[in-house]
Amino acid sequence: MSRTKTHVKKGDTVVVIAGAHKGAQGAIKEVQPAKSRVLIEGVRIIKKAVKPSQANPNGGFIEKEGPIHISNVKLAEAPKKSAPAKKKVAKK
């Protein structure tokens, strides 16, 4: 059983760098390494028709995130913590 290595993981904050949703930012909800796809919160919202069921008696449309190819996302840079300034020592 082989495992495909990816540059992102669930919970990472990413930025979309290509495609219709370029510039969008969000946290990863799910990674699908076999399909090379990721689901990002609030990005690529699609409407899906659902039949009436016990859980949803009226049926209708639901909105959910659609997958984006993993090559179209990059990790968002975390704000860098600056080190405390060093004291300058006068030379004698």
PDB file of N, CA and C in Angstrom:
ATOM      1  N   MET A   1       0.846  -1.175   0.000  1.00  0.00           N
ATOM      2  CA  MET A   1       0.000   0.000   0.000  1.00  0.00           C
ATOM      3  C   MET A   1       0.894   1.242   0.000  1.00  0.00           C
ATOM      4  N   SER A   2       0.868   1.987  -1.083  1.00  0.00           N
ATOM      5  CA  SER A   2       1.695   3.183  -1.167  1.00  0.00           C
ATOM      6  C   SER A   2       0.881   4.416  -0.787  1.00  0.00           C
ATOM      7  N   ARG A   3       1.588   5.416  -0.307  1.00  0.00           N
ATOM      8  CA  ARG A   3       0.926   6.644   0.112  1.00  0.00           C
ATOM      9  C   ARG A   3       1.484   7.802  -0.697  1.00  0.00           C
ATOM     10  N   THR A   4       0.605   8.620  -1.241  1.00  0.00           N
ATOM     11  CA  THR A   4       1.025   9.773  -2.019  1.00  0.00           C
ATOM     12  C   THR A   4       1.350  10.926  -1.083  1.00  0.00           C
ATOM     13  N   LYS A   5       2.525  11.512  -1.256  1.00  0.00           N
ATOM     14  CA  LYS A   5       2.951  12.622  -0.404  1.00  0.00           C
ATOM     15  C   LYS A   5       2.409  13.929  -0.973  1.00  0.00           C
ATOM     16  N   THR A   6       1.892  14.774  -0.094  1.00  0.00           N
ATOM     17  CA  THR A   6       1.370  16.062  -0.519  1.00  0.00           C
ATOM     18  C   THR A   6       2.062  17.177   0.256  1.00  0.00           C
ATOM     19  N   HIS A   7       2.012  18.394  -0.276  1.00  0.00           N
ATOM     20  CA  HIS A   7       2.664  19.525   0.377  1.00  0.00           C
ATOM     21  C   HIS A   7       1.748  20.242   1.370  1.00  0.00           C
ATOM     22  N   VAL A   8       0.500  19.794   1.465  1.00  0.00           N
ATOM     23  CA  VAL A   8      -0.452  20.385   2.404  1.00  0.00           C
ATOM     24  C   VAL A   8      -1.155  19.282   3.169  1.00  0.00           C
ATOM     25  N   LYS A   9      -1.746  19.637   4.309  1.00  0.00           N
ATOM     26  CA  LYS A   9      -2.492  18.666   5.102  1.00  0.00           C
ATOM     27  C   LYS A   9      -3.745  19.322   5.667  1.00  0.00           C
ATOM     28  N   LYS A  10      -4.618  18.518   6.221  1.00  0.00           N
ATOM     29  CA  LYS A  10      -5.871  19.005   6.784  1.00  0.00           C
ATOM     30  C   LYS A  10      -5.579  20.037   7.875  1.00  0.00           C
ATOM     31  N   GLY A  11      -6.300  21.165   7.820  1.00  0.00           N
ATOM     32  CA  GLY A  11      -6.130  22.206   8.815  1.00  0.00           C
ATOM     33  C   GLY A  11      -5.192  23.327   8.389  1.00  0.00           C
ATOM     34  N   ASP A  12      -4.357  23.091   7.375  1.00  0.00           N
ATOM     35  CA  ASP A  12      -3.449  24.137   6.891  1.00  0.00           C
ATOM     36  C   ASP A  12      -4.245  25.273   6.249  1.00  0.00           C
ATOM     37  N   THR A  13      -3.735  26.497   6.373  1.00  0.00           N
ATOM     38  CA  THR A  13      -4.327  27.633   5.682  1.00  0.00           C
ATOM     39  C   THR A  13      -3.602  27.779   4.355  1.00  0.00           C
ATOM     40  N   VAL A  14      -4.386  27.812   3.271  1.00  0.00           N
ATOM     41  CA  VAL A  14      -3.803  27.869   1.932  1.00  0.00           C
ATOM     42  C   VAL A  14      -4.390  29.014   1.118  1.00  0.00           C
ATOM     43  N   VAL A  15      -3.688  29.360   0.035  1.00  0.00           N
ATOM     44  CA  VAL A  15      -4.140  30.379  -0.915  1.00  0.00           C
ATOM     45  C   VAL A  15      -4.246  29.703  -2.268  1.00  0.00           C
ATOM     46  N   VAL A  16      -5.329  29.983  -3.001  1.00  0.00           N
ATOM     47  CA  VAL A  16      -5.500  29.451  -4.343  1.00  0.00           C
ATOM     48  C   VAL A  16      -4.674  30.325  -5.283  1.00  0.00           C
ATOM     49  N   ILE A  17      -3.786  29.695  -6.079  1.00  0.00           N
ATOM     50  CA  ILE A  17      -2.873  30.461  -6.926  1.00  0.00           C
ATOM     51  C   ILE A  17      -3.237  30.398  -8.401  1.00  0.00           C
ATOM     52  N   ALA A  18      -4.226  29.581  -8.771  1.00  0.00           N
ATOM     53  CA  ALA A  18      -4.607  29.479 -10.176  1.00  0.00           C
ATOM     54  C   ALA A  18      -6.073  29.079 -10.280  1.00  0.00           C
ATOM     55  N   GLY A  19      -6.675  29.417 -11.418  1.00  0.00           N
ATOM     56  CA  GLY A  19      -8.054  29.026 -11.656  1.00  0.00           C
ATOM     57  C   GLY A  19      -9.045  30.129 -11.360  1.00  0.00           C
ATOM     58  N   ALA A  20     -10.313  29.781 -11.395  1.00  0.00           N
ATOM     59  CA  ALA A  20     -11.389  30.750 -11.225  1.00  0.00           C
ATOM     60  C   ALA A  20     -11.416  31.363  -9.825  1.00  0.00           C
ATOM     61  N   HIS A  21     -10.873  30.668  -8.835  1.00  0.00           N
ATOM     62  CA  HIS A  21     -10.924  31.137  -7.452  1.00  0.00           C
ATOM     63  C   HIS A  21      -9.570  31.669  -6.989  1.00  0.00           C
ATOM     64  N   LYS A  22      -8.773  32.135  -7.940  1.00  0.00           N
ATOM     65  CA  LYS A  22      -7.431  32.642  -7.635  1.00  0.00           C
ATOM     66  C   LYS A  22      -7.503  33.754  -6.591  1.00  0.00           C
ATOM     67  N   GLY A  23      -6.632  33.666  -5.585  1.00  0.00           N
ATOM     68  CA  GLY A  23      -6.582  34.670  -4.534  1.00  0.00           C
ATOM     69  C   GLY A  23      -7.401  34.317  -3.306  1.00  0.00           C
ATOM     70  N   ALA A  24      -8.293  33.334  -3.420  1.00  0.00           N
ATOM     71  CA  ALA A  24      -9.115  32.939  -2.279  1.00  0.00           C
ATOM     72  C   ALA A  24      -8.248  32.229  -1.246  1.00  0.00           C
ATOM     73  N   GLN A  25      -8.629  32.380   0.024  1.00  0.00           N
ATOM     74  CA  GLN A  25      -7.850  31.813   1.113  1.00  0.00           C
ATOM     75  C   GLN A  25      -8.780  31.099   2.066  1.00  0.00           C
ATOM     76  N   GLY A  26      -8.325  29.978   2.630  1.00  0.00           N
ATOM     77  CA  GLY A  26      -9.131  29.252   3.595  1.00  0.00           C
ATOM     78  C   GLY A  26      -8.379  28.065   4.162  1.00  0.00           C
ATOM     79  N   ALA A  27      -9.019  27.382   5.106  1.00  0.00           N
ATOM     80  CA  ALA A  27      -8.421  26.207   5.737  1.00  0.00           C
ATOM     81  C   ALA A  27      -8.847  24.953   4.993  1.00  0.00           C
ATOM     82  N   ILE A  28      -7.965  23.984   4.936  1.00  0.00           N
ATOM     83  CA  ILE A  28      -8.265  22.734   4.241  1.00  0.00           C
ATOM     84  C   ILE A  28      -9.159  21.862   5.121  1.00  0.00           C
ATOM     85  N   LYS A  29     -10.281  21.407   4.548  1.00  0.00           N
ATOM     86  CA  LYS A  29     -11.196  20.523   5.259  1.00  0.00           C
ATOM     87  C   LYS A  29     -10.848  19.064   5.011  1.00  0.00           C
ATOM     88  N   GLU A  30     -10.384  18.762   3.790  1.00  0.00           N
ATOM     89  CA  GLU A  30     -10.121  17.368   3.417  1.00  0.00           C
ATOM     90  C   GLU A  30      -9.077  17.330   2.308  1.00  0.00           C
ATOM     91  N   VAL A  31      -8.206  16.326   2.357  1.00  0.00           N
ATOM     92  CA  VAL A  31      -7.217  16.100   1.303  1.00  0.00           C
ATOM     93  C   VAL A  31      -7.516  14.747   0.680  1.00  0.00           C
ATOM     94  N   GLN A  32      -7.580  14.701  -0.648  1.00  0.00           N
ATOM     95  CA  GLN A  32      -7.819  13.462  -1.389  1.00  0.00           C
ATOM     96  C   GLN A  32      -6.572  13.148  -2.212  1.00  0.00           C
ATOM     97  N   PRO A  33      -5.564  12.502  -1.602  1.00  0.00           N
ATOM     98  CA  PRO A  33      -4.296  12.309  -2.297  1.00  0.00           C
ATOM     99  C   PRO A  33      -4.401  11.416  -3.534  1.00  0.00           C
ATOM    100  N   ALA A  34      -5.310  10.463  -3.542  1.00  0.00           N
ATOM    101  CA  ALA A  34      -5.444   9.582  -4.705  1.00  0.00           C
ATOM    102  C   ALA A  34      -5.925  10.348  -5.937  1.00  0.00           C
ATOM    103  N   LYS A  35      -6.748  11.377  -5.716  1.00  0.00           N
ATOM    104  CA  LYS A  35      -7.272  12.194  -6.812  1.00  0.00           C
ATOM    105  C   LYS A  35      -6.503  13.501  -6.978  1.00  0.00           C
ATOM    106  N   SER A  36      -5.542  13.769  -6.093  1.00  0.00           N
ATOM    107  CA  SER A  36      -4.771  15.022  -6.084  1.00  0.00           C
ATOM    108  C   SER A  36      -5.689  16.229  -5.961  1.00  0.00           C
ATOM    109  N   ARG A  37      -6.616  16.175  -5.024  1.00  0.00           N
ATOM    110  CA  ARG A  37      -7.584  17.252  -4.823  1.00  0.00           C
ATOM    111  C   ARG A  37      -7.673  17.624  -3.353  1.00  0.00           C
ATOM    112  N   VAL A  38      -8.116  18.855  -3.081  1.00  0.00           N
ATOM    113  CA  VAL A  38      -8.339  19.321  -1.714  1.00  0.00           C
ATOM    114  C   VAL A  38      -9.676  20.058  -1.641  1.00  0.00           C
ATOM    115  N   LEU A  39     -10.307  20.023  -0.457  1.00  0.00           N
ATOM    116  CA  LEU A  39     -11.509  20.806  -0.184  1.00  0.00           C
ATOM    117  C   LEU A  39     -11.103  21.931   0.753  1.00  0.00           C
ATOM    118  N   ILE A  40     -11.434  23.169   0.377  1.00  0.00           N
ATOM    119  CA  ILE A  40     -11.058  24.333   1.159  1.00  0.00           C
ATOM    120  C   ILE A  40     -12.329  25.033   1.640  1.00  0.00           C
ATOM    121  N   GLU A  41     -12.355  25.390   2.923  1.00  0.00           N
ATOM    122  CA  GLU A  41     -13.532  26.048   3.503  1.00  0.00           C
ATOM    123  C   GLU A  41     -13.843  27.352   2.788  1.00  0.00           C
ATOM    124  N   GLY A  42     -15.077  27.489   2.315  1.00  0.00           N
ATOM    125  CA  GLY A  42     -15.535  28.733   1.719  1.00  0.00           C
ATOM    126  C   GLY A  42     -15.075  29.003   0.303  1.00  0.00           C
ATOM    127  N   VAL A  43     -14.374  28.070  -0.322  1.00  0.00           N
ATOM    128  CA  VAL A  43     -13.884  28.256  -1.686  1.00  0.00           C
ATOM    129  C   VAL A  43     -14.563  27.234  -2.598  1.00  0.00           C
ATOM    130  N   ARG A  44     -14.937  27.668  -3.791  1.00  0.00           N
ATOM    131  CA  ARG A  44     -15.625  26.847  -4.799  1.00  0.00           C
ATOM    132  C   ARG A  44     -16.899  26.212  -4.232  1.00  0.00           C
ATOM    133  N   ILE A  45     -17.809  27.049  -3.818  1.00  0.00           N
ATOM    134  CA  ILE A  45     -19.102  26.592  -3.310  1.00  0.00           C
ATOM    135  C   ILE A  45     -19.952  26.157  -4.498  1.00  0.00           C
ATOM    136  N   ILE A  46     -20.453  24.923  -4.450  1.00  0.00           N
ATOM    137  CA  ILE A  46     -21.298  24.399  -5.519  1.00  0.00           C
ATOM    138  C   ILE A  46     -22.669  24.067  -4.940  1.00  0.00           C
ATOM    139  N   LYS A  47     -23.681  24.084  -5.804  1.00  0.00           N
ATOM    140  CA  LYS A  47     -25.035  23.707  -5.393  1.00  0.00           C
ATOM    141  C   LYS A  47     -25.296  22.304  -5.895  1.00  0.00           C
ATOM    142  N   LYS A  48     -25.843  21.464  -5.024  1.00  0.00           N
ATOM    143  CA  LYS A  48     -26.112  20.080  -5.367  1.00  0.00           C
ATOM    144  C   LYS A  48     -27.579  19.789  -5.071  1.00  0.00           C
ATOM    145  N   ALA A  49     -28.258  19.196  -6.033  1.00  0.00           N
ATOM    146  CA  ALA A  49     -29.661  18.825  -5.848  1.00  0.00           C
ATOM    147  C   ALA A  49     -29.725  17.530  -5.042  1.00  0.00           C
ATOM    148  N   VAL A  50     -30.602  17.506  -4.026  1.00  0.00           N
ATOM    149  CA  VAL A  50     -30.762  16.305  -3.214  1.00  0.00           C
ATOM    150  C   VAL A  50     -32.230  15.878  -3.222  1.00  0.00           C
ATOM    151  N   LYS A  51     -32.429  14.579  -3.278  1.00  0.00           N
ATOM    152  CA  LYS A  51     -33.783  14.034  -3.254  1.00  0.00           C
ATOM    153  C   LYS A  51     -34.338  14.096  -1.829  1.00  0.00           C
ATOM    154  N   PRO A  52     -35.648  14.129  -1.699  1.00  0.00           N
ATOM    155  CA  PRO A  52     -36.230  14.082  -0.356  1.00  0.00           C
ATOM    156  C   PRO A  52     -35.840  12.782   0.360  1.00  0.00           C
ATOM    157  N   SER A  53     -35.513  12.895   1.642  1.00  0.00           N
ATOM    158  CA  SER A  53     -35.158  11.730   2.452  1.00  0.00           C
ATOM    159  C   SER A  53     -35.626  12.005   3.873  1.00  0.00           C
ATOM    160  N   GLN A  54     -35.388  11.051   4.768  1.00  0.00           N
ATOM    161  CA  GLN A  54     -35.792  11.271   6.157  1.00  0.00           C
ATOM    162  C   GLN A  54     -35.009  12.419   6.775  1.00  0.00           C
ATOM    163  N   ALA A  55     -33.732  12.503   6.445  1.00  0.00           N
ATOM    164  CA  ALA A  55     -32.904  13.565   6.994  1.00  0.00           C
ATOM    165  C   ALA A  55     -33.282  14.926   6.406  1.00  0.00           C
ATOM    166  N   ASN A  56     -33.690  14.945   5.144  1.00  0.00           N
ATOM    167  CA  ASN A  56     -34.048  16.185   4.454  1.00  0.00           C
ATOM    168  C   ASN A  56     -35.383  15.956   3.748  1.00  0.00           C
ATOM    169  N   PRO A  57     -36.530  16.073   4.450  1.00  0.00           N
ATOM    170  CA  PRO A  57     -37.822  15.687   3.888  1.00  0.00           C
ATOM    171  C   PRO A  57     -38.269  16.506   2.679  1.00  0.00           C
ATOM    172  N   ASN A  58     -37.787  17.744   2.548  1.00  0.00           N
ATOM    173  CA  ASN A  58     -38.216  18.561   1.420  1.00  0.00           C
ATOM    174  C   ASN A  58     -37.315  18.414   0.193  1.00  0.00           C
ATOM    175  N   GLY A  59     -36.133  17.850   0.385  1.00  0.00           N
ATOM    176  CA  GLY A  59     -35.196  17.783  -0.739  1.00  0.00           C
ATOM    177  C   GLY A  59     -34.683  19.180  -1.032  1.00  0.00           C
ATOM    178  N   GLY A  60     -34.385  19.455  -2.278  1.00  0.00           N
ATOM    179  CA  GLY A  60     -33.950  20.793  -2.662  1.00  0.00           C
ATOM    180  C   GLY A  60     -32.478  20.853  -3.000  1.00  0.00           C
ATOM    181  N   PHE A  61     -31.888  22.002  -2.738  1.00  0.00           N
ATOM    182  CA  PHE A  61     -30.484  22.223  -3.072  1.00  0.00           C
ATOM    183  C   PHE A  61     -29.675  22.461  -1.795  1.00  0.00           C
ATOM    184  N   ILE A  62     -28.465  21.904  -1.778  1.00  0.00           N
ATOM    185  CA  ILE A  62     -27.548  22.183  -0.689  1.00  0.00           C
ATOM    186  C   ILE A  62     -26.284  22.803  -1.286  1.00  0.00           C
ATOM    187  N   GLU A  63     -25.634  23.645  -0.500  1.00  0.00           N
ATOM    188  CA  GLU A  63     -24.385  24.250  -0.951  1.00  0.00           C
ATOM    189  C   GLU A  63     -23.241  23.622  -0.180  1.00  0.00           C
ATOM    190  N   LYS A  64     -22.199  23.219  -0.903  1.00  0.00           N
ATOM    191  CA  LYS A  64     -21.032  22.646  -0.255  1.00  0.00           C
ATOM    192  C   LYS A  64     -19.785  22.965  -1.064  1.00  0.00           C
ATOM    193  N   GLU A  65     -18.624  22.747  -0.455  1.00  0.00           N
ATOM    194  CA  GLU A  65     -17.364  23.029  -1.125  1.00  0.00           C
ATOM    195  C   GLU A  65     -17.075  21.966  -2.177  1.00  0.00           C
ATOM    196  N   GLY A  66     -16.532  22.411  -3.296  1.00  0.00           N
ATOM    197  CA  GLY A  66     -16.102  21.494  -4.331  1.00  0.00           C
ATOM    198  C   GLY A  66     -14.596  21.347  -4.280  1.00  0.00           C
ATOM    199  N   PRO A  67     -14.061  20.252  -4.831  1.00  0.00           N
ATOM    200  CA  PRO A  67     -12.619  20.029  -4.777  1.00  0.00           C
ATOM    201  C   PRO A  67     -11.848  20.908  -5.762  1.00  0.00           C
ATOM    202  N   ILE A  68     -10.607  21.226  -5.394  1.00  0.00           N
ATOM    203  CA  ILE A  68      -9.691  21.987  -6.233  1.00  0.00           C
ATOM    204  C   ILE A  68      -8.426  21.160  -6.374  1.00  0.00           C
ATOM    205  N   HIS A  69      -7.800  21.189  -7.536  1.00  0.00           N
ATOM    206  CA  HIS A  69      -6.575  20.418  -7.736  1.00  0.00           C
ATOM    207  C   HIS A  69      -5.488  20.922  -6.797  1.00  0.00           C
ATOM    208  N   ILE A  70      -4.739  19.990  -6.254  1.00  0.00           N
ATOM    209  CA  ILE A  70      -3.755  20.308  -5.230  1.00  0.00           C
ATOM    210  C   ILE A  70      -2.623  21.187  -5.756  1.00  0.00           C
ATOM    211  N   SER A  71      -2.369  21.158  -7.062  1.00  0.00           N
ATOM    212  CA  SER A  71      -1.296  21.984  -7.624  1.00  0.00           C
ATOM    213  C   SER A  71      -1.697  23.454  -7.702  1.00  0.00           C
ATOM    214  N   ASN A  72      -2.971  23.760  -7.509  1.00  0.00           N
ATOM    215  CA  ASN A  72      -3.451  25.136  -7.592  1.00  0.00           C
ATOM    216  C   ASN A  72      -3.488  25.832  -6.243  1.00  0.00           C
ATOM    217  N   VAL A  73      -2.941  25.200  -5.207  1.00  0.00           N
ATOM    218  CA  VAL A  73      -2.917  25.825  -3.887  1.00  0.00           C
ATOM    219  C   VAL A  73      -1.494  25.853  -3.335  1.00  0.00           C
ATOM    220  N   LYS A  74      -1.238  26.863  -2.492  1.00  0.00           N
ATOM    221  CA  LYS A  74       0.043  26.919  -1.781  1.00  0.00           C
ATOM    222  C   LYS A  74      -0.234  27.319  -0.346  1.00  0.00           C
ATOM    223  N   LEU A  75       0.682  26.963   0.538  1.00  0.00           N
ATOM    224  CA  LEU A  75       0.540  27.320   1.935  1.00  0.00           C
ATOM    225  C   LEU A  75       0.567  28.830   2.091  1.00  0.00           C
ATOM    226  N   ALA A  76      -0.322  29.347   2.923  1.00  0.00           N
ATOM    227  CA  ALA A  76      -0.315  30.780   3.220  1.00  0.00           C
ATOM    228  C   ALA A  76       0.811  31.023   4.208  1.00  0.00           C
ATOM    229  N   GLU A  77       1.525  32.099   4.017  1.00  0.00           N
ATOM    230  CA  GLU A  77       2.631  32.403   4.910  1.00  0.00           C
ATOM    231  C   GLU A  77       2.090  32.873   6.250  1.00  0.00           C
ATOM    232  N   ALA A  78       2.557  32.251   7.302  1.00  0.00           N
ATOM    233  CA  ALA A  78       2.164  32.650   8.646  1.00  0.00           C
ATOM    234  C   ALA A  78       2.913  33.930   8.999  1.00  0.00           C
ATOM    235  N   PRO A  79       2.295  34.787   9.768  1.00  0.00           N
ATOM    236  CA  PRO A  79       3.017  36.002  10.158  1.00  0.00           C
ATOM    237  C   PRO A  79       4.279  35.630  10.934  1.00  0.00           C
ATOM    238  N   LYS A  80       5.407  36.193  10.516  1.00  0.00           N
ATOM    239  CA  LYS A  80       6.682  35.856  11.150  1.00  0.00           C
ATOM    240  C   LYS A  80       6.803  36.585  12.478  1.00  0.00           C
ATOM    241  N   LYS A  81       7.284  35.872  13.468  1.00  0.00           N
ATOM    242  CA  LYS A  81       7.502  36.481  14.784  1.00  0.00           C
ATOM    243  C   LYS A  81       8.889  37.103  14.756  1.00  0.00           C
ATOM    244  N   SER A  82       8.940  38.366  15.056  1.00  0.00           N
ATOM    245  CA  SER A  82      10.240  39.027  15.040  1.00  0.00           C
ATOM    246  C   SER A  82      10.972  38.750  16.354  1.00  0.00           C
ATOM    247  N   ALA A  83      12.264  38.551  16.247  1.00  0.00           N
ATOM    248  CA  ALA A  83      13.082  38.297  17.433  1.00  0.00           C
ATOM    249  C   ALA A  83      13.277  39.632  18.160  1.00  0.00           C
ATOM    250  N   PRO A  84      13.449  39.578  19.454  1.00  0.00           N
ATOM    251  CA  PRO A  84      13.676  40.820  20.185  1.00  0.00           C
ATOM    252  C   PRO A  84      14.954  41.494  19.696  1.00  0.00           C
ATOM    253  N   ALA A  85      14.915  42.807  19.645  1.00  0.00           N
ATOM    254  CA  ALA A  85      16.062  43.548  19.143  1.00  0.00           C
ATOM    255  C   ALA A  85      17.262  43.356  20.058  1.00  0.00           C
ATOM    256  N   LYS A  86      18.437  43.221  19.447  1.00  0.00           N
ATOM    257  CA  LYS A  86      19.660  43.046  20.226  1.00  0.00           C
ATOM    258  C   LYS A  86      20.165  44.419  20.662  1.00  0.00           C
ATOM    259  N   LYS A  87      20.698  44.443  21.853  1.00  0.00           N
ATOM    260  CA  LYS A  87      21.280  45.691  22.344  1.00  0.00           C
ATOM    261  C   LYS A  87      22.632  45.895  21.679  1.00  0.00           C
ATOM    262  N   LYS A  88      22.866  47.121  21.265  1.00  0.00           N
ATOM    263  CA  LYS A  88      24.164  47.427  20.697  1.00  0.00           C
ATOM    264  C   LYS A  88      25.106  47.784  21.835  1.00  0.00           C
ATOM    265  N   VAL A  89      26.217  47.142  21.836  1.00  0.00           N
ATOM    266  CA  VAL A  89      27.206  47.387  22.873  1.00  0.00           C
ATOM    267  C   VAL A  89      28.277  48.302  22.299  1.00  0.00           C
ATOM    268  N   ALA A  90      28.550  49.371  23.013  1.00  0.00           N
ATOM    269  CA  ALA A  90      29.573  50.318  22.539  1.00  0.00           C
ATOM    270  C   ALA A  90      30.944  49.683  22.673  1.00  0.00           C
ATOM    271  N   LYS A  91      31.718  49.792  21.626  1.00  0.00           N
ATOM    272  CA  LYS A  91      33.087  49.250  21.644  1.00  0.00           C
ATOM    273  C   LYS A  91      34.008  50.208  22.373  1.00  0.00           C
ATOM    274  N   LYS A  92      34.916  49.679  23.141  1.00  0.00           N
ATOM    275  CA  LYS A  92      35.858  50.503  23.889  1.00  0.00           C
ATOM    276  C   LYS A  92      37.183  50.573  23.204  1.00  0.00           C
TER     277      LYS A  92
END
